[in-house]
Amino acid sequence: MWDTSARLLKLLSLLQTRREWTGAELAGRLGVTTRTVRRDVDRLRELGYPVEATRGTAGYRLGAGASLPPLLLDDDEAVAVVLGLRTAAGGSVAGIEEMSLRALTKLEQVLPPRLRHRVNTLHTATVRTGAPPAPRVDADTLMTIAEACRRRERLRFDYTARRGGTSPREAEPHTLVNFNRHWYLVAWDVARADWRTFRVDRLRPRTPNGPRFAPREPPGGDVTRYVARQLSEQAWPCRATVRLHEPADAVADRVWPGMGALEAVDGHGCLLHVGAETPAELVWMITSVDADFTLVSGPPELADALRAQAGRCLRALSGTGSAGGPAPS
């Protein structure tokens, strides 16, 4: 039999794990009567927990209150929250680091020794790669955009282009996408009557928002794939398209996010759209997919770079290792 304090904690934990419980279910889990459950629910309400009675099922659920009550986390949940806060403390959203560190300090102070050991073990055994720092994004800007997406209100903002120059824009915001440590807004540009991808770190919202709008079908039906294609095709000086001689689903796991965009053609092949700084980088990206391909479009220098790479591979097999070796026909 649970004592009263332990039973209250157990009851609170149960209410946090499921949307709704019947009184009989709670009584069965706690080994008490439904009358005792009602008394315990009243005690939780006195402590500030918004436990609501549900209609028709004689049940209970934990509602949203004016303030955040203490949460009960199991071991795995506590470890996940700590690791998430540590990651957020070094993230790309400006202003969130201090809040993450405050929450992390509070949580680590009450972690049982066994969990603190698990978290510290993983932390000391993990090394972050030297990835380039991501552009900082203002947390208030993210929230303003997210709220406009939720309310389906036109967003007015000043936008700085990649090559400089700022202009006022008005768009119907659809989705925020976090892609390769950058934040992007996918939206319907009103003046251009087309979908556009905006870097959030270059965007400064204006107030107030514009009128409400009816939501549109996202481009291609997949926002993430749309962003990948936009970045691979439009953000690079060298762009190319090749036909891979394998179906899209067979090579999808060989094309990493940001490398390029696949376009299904038929059951025997697909198109890969890629972009890079130089033709040599395009060759490396295309050949890394490890599939036979045909060049569909690209700069003239790309064909020369492919021939040079083919010659380099043949010379490696012939053992000459020099430019004077046999060349491909």
C-alpha atoms as a PDB file:
ATOM      1  CA  MET A   1       0.000   0.000   0.000  1.00  0.00           C
ATOM      2  CA  TRP A   2       1.288   3.424  -0.920  1.00  0.00           C
ATOM      3  CA  ASP A   3       1.579   6.080   1.805  1.00  0.00           C
ATOM      4  CA  THR A   4      -0.206   9.343   0.997  1.00  0.00           C
ATOM      5  CA  SER A   5       2.826  11.323  -0.274  1.00  0.00           C
ATOM      6  CA  ALA A   6       4.138   8.486  -2.424  1.00  0.00           C
ATOM      7  CA  ARG A   7       0.641   7.851  -3.771  1.00  0.00           C
ATOM      8  CA  LEU A   8       0.239  11.499  -4.763  1.00  0.00           C
ATOM      9  CA  LEU A   9       3.541  11.407  -6.652  1.00  0.00           C
ATOM     10  CA  LYS A  10       2.528   8.190  -8.379  1.00  0.00           C
ATOM     11  CA  LEU A  11      -0.859   9.676  -9.291  1.00  0.00           C
ATOM     12  CA  LEU A  12       0.815  12.780 -10.704  1.00  0.00           C
ATOM     13  CA  SER A  13       3.211  10.627 -12.714  1.00  0.00           C
ATOM     14  CA  LEU A  14       0.318   8.645 -14.190  1.00  0.00           C
ATOM     15  CA  LEU A  15      -1.563  11.799 -15.149  1.00  0.00           C
ATOM     16  CA  GLN A  16       1.538  13.076 -16.977  1.00  0.00           C
ATOM     17  CA  THR A  17       1.966   9.918 -19.055  1.00  0.00           C
ATOM     18  CA  ARG A  18      -1.447   9.781 -20.706  1.00  0.00           C
ATOM     19  CA  ARG A  19      -3.998  12.236 -22.000  1.00  0.00           C
ATOM     20  CA  GLU A  20      -6.889  10.841 -19.964  1.00  0.00           C
ATOM     21  CA  TRP A  21      -7.530   8.246 -17.227  1.00  0.00           C
ATOM     22  CA  THR A  22     -10.771   6.951 -15.801  1.00  0.00           C
ATOM     23  CA  GLY A  23     -11.125   6.945 -12.049  1.00  0.00           C
ATOM     24  CA  ALA A  24     -11.345   3.150 -12.076  1.00  0.00           C
ATOM     25  CA  GLU A  25      -8.083   2.846 -14.040  1.00  0.00           C
ATOM     26  CA  LEU A  26      -6.258   5.113 -11.610  1.00  0.00           C
ATOM     27  CA  ALA A  27      -7.683   3.244  -8.635  1.00  0.00           C
ATOM     28  CA  GLY A  28      -6.507  -0.050 -10.112  1.00  0.00           C
ATOM     29  CA  ARG A  29      -2.987   1.235 -10.737  1.00  0.00           C
ATOM     30  CA  LEU A  30      -2.713   2.700  -7.243  1.00  0.00           C
ATOM     31  CA  GLY A  31      -4.456  -0.149  -5.427  1.00  0.00           C
ATOM     32  CA  VAL A  32      -7.041   2.134  -3.806  1.00  0.00           C
ATOM     33  CA  THR A  33     -10.723   2.947  -4.176  1.00  0.00           C
ATOM     34  CA  THR A  34     -12.122   5.499  -6.583  1.00  0.00           C
ATOM     35  CA  ARG A  35     -13.134   7.556  -3.537  1.00  0.00           C
ATOM     36  CA  THR A  36      -9.474   7.749  -2.487  1.00  0.00           C
ATOM     37  CA  VAL A  37      -8.552   8.804  -6.031  1.00  0.00           C
ATOM     38  CA  ARG A  38     -11.054  11.665  -5.818  1.00  0.00           C
ATOM     39  CA  ARG A  39      -9.528  12.825  -2.512  1.00  0.00           C
ATOM     40  CA  ASP A  40      -6.008  12.647  -3.948  1.00  0.00           C
ATOM     41  CA  VAL A  41      -7.083  14.622  -7.006  1.00  0.00           C
ATOM     42  CA  ASP A  42      -8.447  17.316  -4.673  1.00  0.00           C
ATOM     43  CA  ARG A  43      -5.073  17.414  -2.882  1.00  0.00           C
ATOM     44  CA  LEU A  44      -3.243  17.864  -6.177  1.00  0.00           C
ATOM     45  CA  ARG A  45      -5.577  20.723  -7.073  1.00  0.00           C
ATOM     46  CA  GLU A  46      -4.812  22.378  -3.717  1.00  0.00           C
ATOM     47  CA  LEU A  47      -1.104  22.148  -4.605  1.00  0.00           C
ATOM     48  CA  GLY A  48      -1.737  23.993  -7.876  1.00  0.00           C
ATOM     49  CA  TYR A  49      -1.971  21.133 -10.347  1.00  0.00           C
ATOM     50  CA  PRO A  50      -4.827  21.744 -12.850  1.00  0.00           C
ATOM     51  CA  VAL A  51      -6.423  18.281 -12.746  1.00  0.00           C
ATOM     52  CA  GLU A  52      -9.609  18.412 -14.803  1.00  0.00           C
ATOM     53  CA  ALA A  53     -12.609  16.075 -14.628  1.00  0.00           C
ATOM     54  CA  THR A  54     -13.633  14.689 -18.021  1.00  0.00           C
ATOM     55  CA  ARG A  55     -17.252  14.482 -19.065  1.00  0.00           C
ATOM     56  CA  GLY A  56     -18.928  11.203 -19.801  1.00  0.00           C
ATOM     57  CA  THR A  57     -16.059   8.911 -18.732  1.00  0.00           C
ATOM     58  CA  ALA A  58     -15.803   9.745 -15.012  1.00  0.00           C
ATOM     59  CA  GLY A  59     -12.129  10.377 -15.623  1.00  0.00           C
ATOM     60  CA  TYR A  60      -9.330  12.873 -15.111  1.00  0.00           C
ATOM     61  CA  ARG A  61      -6.673  14.630 -17.125  1.00  0.00           C
ATOM     62  CA  LEU A  62      -3.895  17.086 -16.379  1.00  0.00           C
ATOM     63  CA  GLY A  63      -4.717  20.425 -17.963  1.00  0.00           C
ATOM     64  CA  ALA A  64      -2.670  23.522 -18.673  1.00  0.00           C
ATOM     65  CA  GLY A  65      -2.325  25.955 -15.792  1.00  0.00           C
ATOM     66  CA  ALA A  66      -1.235  29.556 -15.390  1.00  0.00           C
ATOM     67  CA  SER A  67       2.229  28.385 -14.307  1.00  0.00           C
ATOM     68  CA  LEU A  68       4.320  25.309 -15.031  1.00  0.00           C
ATOM     69  CA  PRO A  69       4.032  22.776 -12.201  1.00  0.00           C
ATOM     70  CA  PRO A  70       6.927  20.439 -11.340  1.00  0.00           C
ATOM     71  CA  LEU A  71       7.250  17.591 -13.812  1.00  0.00           C
ATOM     72  CA  LEU A  72       8.022  13.992 -12.970  1.00  0.00           C
ATOM     73  CA  LEU A  73      10.464  12.402 -15.414  1.00  0.00           C
ATOM     74  CA  ASP A  74      11.609   8.820 -15.594  1.00  0.00           C
ATOM     75  CA  ASP A  75      15.328   8.037 -15.960  1.00  0.00           C
ATOM     76  CA  ASP A  76      15.429   7.992 -19.760  1.00  0.00           C
ATOM     77  CA  GLU A  77      13.333  11.167 -20.043  1.00  0.00           C
ATOM     78  CA  ALA A  78      15.611  13.036 -17.595  1.00  0.00           C
ATOM     79  CA  VAL A  79      18.749  12.033 -19.518  1.00  0.00           C
ATOM     80  CA  ALA A  80      17.136  13.050 -22.828  1.00  0.00           C
ATOM     81  CA  VAL A  81      16.150  16.478 -21.451  1.00  0.00           C
ATOM     82  CA  VAL A  82      19.647  17.148 -20.060  1.00  0.00           C
ATOM     83  CA  LEU A  83      21.317  16.221 -23.344  1.00  0.00           C
ATOM     84  CA  GLY A  84      18.820  18.329 -25.278  1.00  0.00           C
ATOM     85  CA  LEU A  85      19.470  21.357 -23.062  1.00  0.00           C
ATOM     86  CA  ARG A  86      23.229  20.973 -23.423  1.00  0.00           C
ATOM     87  CA  THR A  87      22.841  20.898 -27.189  1.00  0.00           C
ATOM     88  CA  ALA A  88      20.542  23.942 -27.159  1.00  0.00           C
ATOM     89  CA  ALA A  89      23.057  25.862 -25.044  1.00  0.00           C
ATOM     90  CA  GLY A  90      25.460  25.740 -27.982  1.00  0.00           C
ATOM     91  CA  GLY A  91      22.860  26.090 -30.721  1.00  0.00           C
ATOM     92  CA  SER A  92      22.087  28.674 -33.382  1.00  0.00           C
ATOM     93  CA  VAL A  93      19.134  30.471 -31.742  1.00  0.00           C
ATOM     94  CA  ALA A  94      20.329  33.699 -30.150  1.00  0.00           C
ATOM     95  CA  GLY A  95      19.189  34.313 -26.583  1.00  0.00           C
ATOM     96  CA  ILE A  96      18.270  30.716 -25.848  1.00  0.00           C
ATOM     97  CA  GLU A  97      21.697  29.740 -24.473  1.00  0.00           C
ATOM     98  CA  GLU A  98      21.254  31.490 -21.119  1.00  0.00           C
ATOM     99  CA  MET A  99      17.743  30.071 -20.645  1.00  0.00           C
ATOM    100  CA  SER A 100      18.983  26.592 -21.530  1.00  0.00           C
ATOM    101  CA  LEU A 101      21.861  26.862 -19.066  1.00  0.00           C
ATOM    102  CA  ARG A 102      19.520  28.032 -16.282  1.00  0.00           C
ATOM    103  CA  ALA A 103      17.164  25.124 -16.871  1.00  0.00           C
ATOM    104  CA  LEU A 104      20.118  22.730 -17.161  1.00  0.00           C
ATOM    105  CA  THR A 105      21.541  23.898 -13.833  1.00  0.00           C
ATOM    106  CA  LYS A 106      18.217  23.381 -12.074  1.00  0.00           C
ATOM    107  CA  LEU A 107      17.797  19.906 -13.510  1.00  0.00           C
ATOM    108  CA  GLU A 108      21.356  18.714 -12.880  1.00  0.00           C
ATOM    109  CA  GLN A 109      21.125  19.806  -9.240  1.00  0.00           C
ATOM    110  CA  VAL A 110      18.338  17.306  -8.595  1.00  0.00           C
ATOM    111  CA  LEU A 111      19.552  14.443 -10.774  1.00  0.00           C
ATOM    112  CA  PRO A 112      20.144  11.244  -8.803  1.00  0.00           C
ATOM    113  CA  PRO A 113      23.824  10.190  -8.782  1.00  0.00           C
ATOM    114  CA  ARG A 114      23.150   7.264 -11.117  1.00  0.00           C
ATOM    115  CA  LEU A 115      21.674   9.580 -13.774  1.00  0.00           C
ATOM    116  CA  ARG A 116      24.335  12.249 -13.295  1.00  0.00           C
ATOM    117  CA  HIS A 117      26.935   9.553 -13.928  1.00  0.00           C
ATOM    118  CA  ARG A 118      25.178   8.462 -17.157  1.00  0.00           C
ATOM    119  CA  VAL A 119      24.934  12.026 -18.450  1.00  0.00           C
ATOM    120  CA  ASN A 120      28.546  12.907 -17.597  1.00  0.00           C
ATOM    121  CA  THR A 121      29.828   9.676 -19.112  1.00  0.00           C
ATOM    122  CA  LEU A 122      28.147  10.426 -22.427  1.00  0.00           C
ATOM    123  CA  HIS A 123      29.214  14.080 -22.310  1.00  0.00           C
ATOM    124  CA  THR A 124      32.911  13.337 -21.686  1.00  0.00           C
ATOM    125  CA  ALA A 125      32.947  10.599 -24.353  1.00  0.00           C
ATOM    126  CA  THR A 126      31.460  12.883 -27.041  1.00  0.00           C
ATOM    127  CA  VAL A 127      33.367  15.338 -29.213  1.00  0.00           C
ATOM    128  CA  ARG A 128      31.704  17.912 -31.436  1.00  0.00           C
ATOM    129  CA  THR A 129      33.041  18.141 -34.958  1.00  0.00           C
ATOM    130  CA  GLY A 130      34.546  21.365 -36.160  1.00  0.00           C
ATOM    131  CA  ALA A 131      31.527  22.359 -38.198  1.00  0.00           C
ATOM    132  CA  PRO A 132      31.416  26.014 -39.244  1.00  0.00           C
ATOM    133  CA  PRO A 133      29.368  28.150 -36.866  1.00  0.00           C
ATOM    134  CA  ALA A 134      25.765  28.549 -37.920  1.00  0.00           C
ATOM    135  CA  PRO A 135      24.295  32.036 -38.407  1.00  0.00           C
ATOM    136  CA  ARG A 136      22.599  33.253 -35.237  1.00  0.00           C
ATOM    137  CA  VAL A 137      18.827  33.590 -35.405  1.00  0.00           C
ATOM    138  CA  ASP A 138      16.841  35.762 -33.024  1.00  0.00           C
ATOM    139  CA  ALA A 139      14.436  33.701 -30.900  1.00  0.00           C
ATOM    140  CA  ASP A 140      11.750  36.414 -31.081  1.00  0.00           C
ATOM    141  CA  THR A 141      11.980  36.381 -34.878  1.00  0.00           C
ATOM    142  CA  LEU A 142      11.456  32.617 -34.930  1.00  0.00           C
ATOM    143  CA  MET A 143       8.427  32.930 -32.660  1.00  0.00           C
ATOM    144  CA  THR A 144       6.957  35.762 -34.755  1.00  0.00           C
ATOM    145  CA  ILE A 145       7.270  33.660 -37.917  1.00  0.00           C
ATOM    146  CA  ALA A 146       5.915  30.535 -36.216  1.00  0.00           C
ATOM    147  CA  GLU A 147       2.901  32.451 -34.923  1.00  0.00           C
ATOM    148  CA  ALA A 148       2.212  33.855 -38.395  1.00  0.00           C
ATOM    149  CA  CYS A 149       2.404  30.293 -39.793  1.00  0.00           C
ATOM    150  CA  ARG A 150      -0.040  29.056 -37.167  1.00  0.00           C
ATOM    151  CA  ARG A 151      -2.505  31.925 -37.611  1.00  0.00           C
ATOM    152  CA  ARG A 152      -2.175  31.915 -41.422  1.00  0.00           C
ATOM    153  CA  GLU A 153      -1.380  35.634 -41.521  1.00  0.00           C
ATOM    154  CA  ARG A 154       0.702  37.334 -44.177  1.00  0.00           C
ATOM    155  CA  LEU A 155       4.183  38.172 -42.958  1.00  0.00           C
ATOM    156  CA  ARG A 156       5.747  41.543 -43.779  1.00  0.00           C
ATOM    157  CA  PHE A 157       9.512  41.780 -43.448  1.00  0.00           C
ATOM    158  CA  ASP A 158      12.748  43.316 -44.712  1.00  0.00           C
ATOM    159  CA  TYR A 159      14.993  40.783 -46.413  1.00  0.00           C
ATOM    160  CA  THR A 160      18.704  41.011 -47.161  1.00  0.00           C
ATOM    161  CA  ALA A 161      19.689  39.122 -50.311  1.00  0.00           C
ATOM    162  CA  ARG A 162      22.734  36.848 -50.501  1.00  0.00           C
ATOM    163  CA  ARG A 163      24.688  39.397 -52.531  1.00  0.00           C
ATOM    164  CA  GLY A 164      23.556  42.320 -50.378  1.00  0.00           C
ATOM    165  CA  GLY A 165      20.774  44.837 -50.633  1.00  0.00           C
ATOM    166  CA  THR A 166      17.645  44.888 -48.494  1.00  0.00           C
ATOM    167  CA  SER A 167      14.085  45.045 -49.798  1.00  0.00           C
ATOM    168  CA  PRO A 168      10.597  44.890 -48.240  1.00  0.00           C
ATOM    169  CA  ARG A 169       8.753  41.618 -48.829  1.00  0.00           C
ATOM    170  CA  GLU A 170       5.304  40.229 -48.114  1.00  0.00           C
ATOM    171  CA  ALA A 171       4.668  36.491 -48.050  1.00  0.00           C
ATOM    172  CA  GLU A 172       2.273  33.803 -46.896  1.00  0.00           C
ATOM    173  CA  PRO A 173       4.388  31.779 -44.448  1.00  0.00           C
ATOM    174  CA  HIS A 174       4.028  28.011 -44.634  1.00  0.00           C
ATOM    175  CA  THR A 175       6.765  26.260 -42.637  1.00  0.00           C
ATOM    176  CA  LEU A 176      10.025  26.885 -40.772  1.00  0.00           C
ATOM    177  CA  VAL A 177      12.743  24.389 -41.742  1.00  0.00           C
ATOM    178  CA  ASN A 178      15.957  23.771 -39.789  1.00  0.00           C
ATOM    179  CA  PHE A 179      18.348  22.433 -42.432  1.00  0.00           C
ATOM    180  CA  ASN A 180      22.111  21.923 -42.018  1.00  0.00           C
ATOM    181  CA  ARG A 181      22.291  24.277 -38.988  1.00  0.00           C
ATOM    182  CA  HIS A 182      20.435  27.042 -40.870  1.00  0.00           C
ATOM    183  CA  TRP A 183      16.845  28.222 -40.406  1.00  0.00           C
ATOM    184  CA  TYR A 184      14.702  28.742 -43.501  1.00  0.00           C
ATOM    185  CA  LEU A 185      11.171  30.005 -44.064  1.00  0.00           C
ATOM    186  CA  VAL A 186       9.240  28.429 -46.935  1.00  0.00           C
ATOM    187  CA  ALA A 187       6.571  30.885 -48.039  1.00  0.00           C
ATOM    188  CA  TRP A 188       4.469  32.043 -50.980  1.00  0.00           C
ATOM    189  CA  ASP A 189       5.926  35.372 -52.156  1.00  0.00           C
ATOM    190  CA  VAL A 190       2.934  37.591 -52.882  1.00  0.00           C
ATOM    191  CA  ALA A 191       4.660  40.007 -55.288  1.00  0.00           C
ATOM    192  CA  ARG A 192       6.365  37.243 -57.277  1.00  0.00           C
ATOM    193  CA  ALA A 193       3.377  34.864 -57.171  1.00  0.00           C
ATOM    194  CA  ASP A 194       5.639  31.896 -56.471  1.00  0.00           C
ATOM    195  CA  TRP A 195       7.173  29.848 -53.670  1.00  0.00           C
ATOM    196  CA  ARG A 196      10.397  31.150 -52.138  1.00  0.00           C
ATOM    197  CA  THR A 197      12.871  30.048 -49.476  1.00  0.00           C
ATOM    198  CA  PHE A 198      14.109  32.779 -47.104  1.00  0.00           C
ATOM    199  CA  ARG A 199      17.067  32.571 -44.727  1.00  0.00           C
ATOM    200  CA  VAL A 200      15.683  33.575 -41.326  1.00  0.00           C
ATOM    201  CA  ASP A 201      18.962  35.195 -40.186  1.00  0.00           C
ATOM    202  CA  ARG A 202      18.511  37.686 -43.068  1.00  0.00           C
ATOM    203  CA  LEU A 203      14.873  38.402 -42.263  1.00  0.00           C
ATOM    204  CA  ARG A 204      13.555  41.212 -40.037  1.00  0.00           C
ATOM    205  CA  PRO A 205       9.766  41.113 -39.423  1.00  0.00           C
ATOM    206  CA  ARG A 206       7.624  44.230 -39.653  1.00  0.00           C
ATOM    207  CA  THR A 207       4.493  44.816 -37.628  1.00  0.00           C
ATOM    208  CA  PRO A 208       1.631  44.406 -37.872  1.00  0.00           C
ATOM    209  CA  ASN A 209       1.123  41.225 -39.863  1.00  0.00           C
ATOM    210  CA  GLY A 210      -0.999  41.302 -42.990  1.00  0.00           C
ATOM    211  CA  PRO A 211      -4.428  39.765 -43.600  1.00  0.00           C
ATOM    212  CA  ARG A 212      -5.337  36.090 -43.171  1.00  0.00           C
ATOM    213  CA  PHE A 213      -4.898  33.751 -46.131  1.00  0.00           C
ATOM    214  CA  ALA A 214      -6.093  30.329 -47.222  1.00  0.00           C
ATOM    215  CA  PRO A 215      -3.293  27.747 -46.946  1.00  0.00           C
ATOM    216  CA  ARG A 216      -1.747  26.495 -50.173  1.00  0.00           C
ATOM    217  CA  GLU A 217      -0.468  23.026 -51.011  1.00  0.00           C
ATOM    218  CA  PRO A 218       3.300  23.051 -50.300  1.00  0.00           C
ATOM    219  CA  PRO A 219       5.600  22.929 -53.344  1.00  0.00           C
ATOM    220  CA  GLY A 220       5.937  19.370 -54.573  1.00  0.00           C
ATOM    221  CA  GLY A 221       3.972  18.198 -51.545  1.00  0.00           C
ATOM    222  CA  ASP A 222       7.193  17.962 -49.495  1.00  0.00           C
ATOM    223  CA  VAL A 223       8.687  21.087 -47.906  1.00  0.00           C
ATOM    224  CA  THR A 224      11.964  19.437 -46.848  1.00  0.00           C
ATOM    225  CA  ARG A 225      12.643  18.096 -50.339  1.00  0.00           C
ATOM    226  CA  TYR A 226      11.786  21.499 -51.812  1.00  0.00           C
ATOM    227  CA  VAL A 227      14.339  23.237 -49.564  1.00  0.00           C
ATOM    228  CA  ALA A 228      16.997  20.639 -50.419  1.00  0.00           C
ATOM    229  CA  ARG A 229      16.444  21.192 -54.124  1.00  0.00           C
ATOM    230  CA  GLN A 230      16.431  24.976 -53.793  1.00  0.00           C
ATOM    231  CA  LEU A 231      19.735  24.914 -51.936  1.00  0.00           C
ATOM    232  CA  SER A 232      21.391  22.418 -54.262  1.00  0.00           C
ATOM    233  CA  GLU A 233      20.310  24.187 -57.460  1.00  0.00           C
ATOM    234  CA  GLN A 234      20.062  27.891 -56.774  1.00  0.00           C
ATOM    235  CA  ALA A 235      22.597  28.747 -54.088  1.00  0.00           C
ATOM    236  CA  TRP A 236      25.686  27.560 -56.030  1.00  0.00           C
ATOM    237  CA  PRO A 237      27.574  29.021 -59.002  1.00  0.00           C
ATOM    238  CA  CYS A 238      27.949  25.561 -60.633  1.00  0.00           C
ATOM    239  CA  ARG A 239      24.815  23.462 -61.094  1.00  0.00           C
ATOM    240  CA  ALA A 240      24.189  20.223 -62.912  1.00  0.00           C
ATOM    241  CA  THR A 241      21.621  17.507 -63.498  1.00  0.00           C
ATOM    242  CA  VAL A 242      22.503  13.872 -64.129  1.00  0.00           C
ATOM    243  CA  ARG A 243      20.343  10.854 -64.801  1.00  0.00           C
ATOM    244  CA  LEU A 244      21.180   8.027 -62.426  1.00  0.00           C
ATOM    245  CA  HIS A 245      20.580   4.576 -63.881  1.00  0.00           C
ATOM    246  CA  GLU A 246      18.903   3.321 -60.712  1.00  0.00           C
ATOM    247  CA  PRO A 247      15.455   4.137 -59.271  1.00  0.00           C
ATOM    248  CA  ALA A 248      15.199   6.956 -56.750  1.00  0.00           C
ATOM    249  CA  ASP A 249      14.359   4.737 -53.778  1.00  0.00           C
ATOM    250  CA  ALA A 250      17.506   2.641 -54.434  1.00  0.00           C
ATOM    251  CA  VAL A 251      19.889   5.617 -54.181  1.00  0.00           C
ATOM    252  CA  ALA A 252      18.012   7.852 -51.716  1.00  0.00           C
ATOM    253  CA  ASP A 253      20.170   6.848 -48.736  1.00  0.00           C
ATOM    254  CA  ARG A 254      23.335   7.753 -50.691  1.00  0.00           C
ATOM    255  CA  VAL A 255      22.269  11.366 -51.207  1.00  0.00           C
ATOM    256  CA  TRP A 256      22.739  13.214 -47.945  1.00  0.00           C
ATOM    257  CA  PRO A 257      20.682  16.304 -46.984  1.00  0.00           C
ATOM    258  CA  GLY A 258      21.984  19.421 -48.692  1.00  0.00           C
ATOM    259  CA  MET A 259      23.994  17.498 -51.302  1.00  0.00           C
ATOM    260  CA  GLY A 260      21.278  17.474 -53.940  1.00  0.00           C
ATOM    261  CA  ALA A 261      17.704  16.652 -54.783  1.00  0.00           C
ATOM    262  CA  LEU A 262      16.405  13.461 -56.348  1.00  0.00           C
ATOM    263  CA  GLU A 263      13.568  13.475 -58.872  1.00  0.00           C
ATOM    264  CA  ALA A 264      11.930  10.144 -59.657  1.00  0.00           C
ATOM    265  CA  VAL A 265      11.541   9.424 -63.388  1.00  0.00           C
ATOM    266  CA  ASP A 266      10.577   5.782 -63.760  1.00  0.00           C
ATOM    267  CA  GLY A 267      11.372   2.385 -62.331  1.00  0.00           C
ATOM    268  CA  HIS A 268      14.808   2.321 -63.986  1.00  0.00           C
ATOM    269  CA  GLY A 269      16.261   5.741 -63.263  1.00  0.00           C
ATOM    270  CA  CYS A 270      15.972   9.151 -61.642  1.00  0.00           C
ATOM    271  CA  LEU A 271      17.391  12.667 -61.914  1.00  0.00           C
ATOM    272  CA  LEU A 272      19.877  14.101 -59.442  1.00  0.00           C
ATOM    273  CA  HIS A 273      20.120  17.897 -59.239  1.00  0.00           C
ATOM    274  CA  VAL A 274      23.321  19.127 -57.555  1.00  0.00           C
ATOM    275  CA  GLY A 275      25.191  22.363 -56.995  1.00  0.00           C
ATOM    276  CA  ALA A 276      28.724  23.262 -55.870  1.00  0.00           C
ATOM    277  CA  GLU A 277      31.409  25.941 -56.020  1.00  0.00           C
ATOM    278  CA  THR A 278      33.469  24.272 -58.780  1.00  0.00           C
ATOM    279  CA  PRO A 279      33.056  21.619 -61.501  1.00  0.00           C
ATOM    280  CA  ALA A 280      35.575  19.413 -59.637  1.00  0.00           C
ATOM    281  CA  GLU A 281      33.311  19.441 -56.578  1.00  0.00           C
ATOM    282  CA  LEU A 282      30.358  18.461 -58.758  1.00  0.00           C
ATOM    283  CA  VAL A 283      32.330  15.458 -60.051  1.00  0.00           C
ATOM    284  CA  TRP A 284      33.074  14.336 -56.501  1.00  0.00           C
ATOM    285  CA  MET A 285      29.444  14.685 -55.433  1.00  0.00           C
ATOM    286  CA  ILE A 286      28.023  12.878 -58.479  1.00  0.00           C
ATOM    287  CA  THR A 287      30.464   9.966 -58.350  1.00  0.00           C
ATOM    288  CA  SER A 288      30.049   9.572 -54.579  1.00  0.00           C
ATOM    289  CA  VAL A 289      26.513   8.286 -55.190  1.00  0.00           C
ATOM    290  CA  ASP A 290      28.123   5.120 -56.644  1.00  0.00           C
ATOM    291  CA  ALA A 291      25.746   4.664 -59.556  1.00  0.00           C
ATOM    292  CA  ASP A 292      26.052   4.699 -63.344  1.00  0.00           C
ATOM    293  CA  PHE A 293      24.903   8.047 -64.707  1.00  0.00           C
ATOM    294  CA  THR A 294      24.466  10.192 -67.796  1.00  0.00           C
ATOM    295  CA  LEU A 295      25.162  13.924 -67.789  1.00  0.00           C
ATOM    296  CA  VAL A 296      21.963  15.796 -68.679  1.00  0.00           C
ATOM    297  CA  SER A 297      22.967  19.424 -68.132  1.00  0.00           C
ATOM    298  CA  GLY A 298      25.778  21.416 -66.585  1.00  0.00           C
ATOM    299  CA  PRO A 299      28.553  23.890 -67.378  1.00  0.00           C
ATOM    300  CA  PRO A 300      30.980  22.973 -70.205  1.00  0.00           C
ATOM    301  CA  GLU A 301      33.782  22.682 -67.651  1.00  0.00           C
ATOM    302  CA  LEU A 302      31.977  19.792 -65.985  1.00  0.00           C
ATOM    303  CA  ALA A 303      32.505  17.486 -68.982  1.00  0.00           C
ATOM    304  CA  ASP A 304      36.220  18.331 -68.892  1.00  0.00           C
ATOM    305  CA  ALA A 305      36.345  17.646 -65.158  1.00  0.00           C
ATOM    306  CA  LEU A 306      34.643  14.260 -65.659  1.00  0.00           C
ATOM    307  CA  ARG A 307      37.170  13.321 -68.371  1.00  0.00           C
ATOM    308  CA  ALA A 308      40.044  14.364 -66.106  1.00  0.00           C
ATOM    309  CA  GLN A 309      38.675  12.248 -63.268  1.00  0.00           C
ATOM    310  CA  ALA A 310      38.208   9.257 -65.601  1.00  0.00           C
ATOM    311  CA  GLY A 311      41.790   9.604 -66.826  1.00  0.00           C
ATOM    312  CA  ARG A 312      43.066   9.822 -63.260  1.00  0.00           C
ATOM    313  CA  CYS A 313      41.268   6.581 -62.361  1.00  0.00           C
ATOM    314  CA  LEU A 314      42.592   4.763 -65.465  1.00  0.00           C
ATOM    315  CA  ARG A 315      46.139   5.901 -64.757  1.00  0.00           C
ATOM    316  CA  ALA A 316      45.810   4.584 -61.227  1.00  0.00           C
ATOM    317  CA  LEU A 317      44.980   1.142 -62.640  1.00  0.00           C
ATOM    318  CA  SER A 318      47.773   1.261 -65.222  1.00  0.00           C
ATOM    319  CA  GLY A 319      50.290   2.161 -62.535  1.00  0.00           C
ATOM    320  CA  THR A 320      51.696   5.228 -64.309  1.00  0.00           C
ATOM    321  CA  GLY A 321      50.276   7.784 -61.871  1.00  0.00           C
ATOM    322  CA  SER A 322      51.179  10.666 -64.158  1.00  0.00           C
ATOM    323  CA  ALA A 323      49.508  12.838 -66.737  1.00  0.00           C
ATOM    324  CA  GLY A 324      51.561  11.152 -69.440  1.00  0.00           C
ATOM    325  CA  GLY A 325      49.779   7.803 -69.007  1.00  0.00           C
ATOM    326  CA  PRO A 326      47.054   6.409 -71.196  1.00  0.00           C
ATOM    327  CA  ALA A 327      43.987   8.581 -71.632  1.00  0.00           C
ATOM    328  CA  PRO A 328      40.408   7.401 -72.014  1.00  0.00           C
ATOM    329  CA  SER A 329      39.106   7.100 -75.558  1.00  0.00           C
END
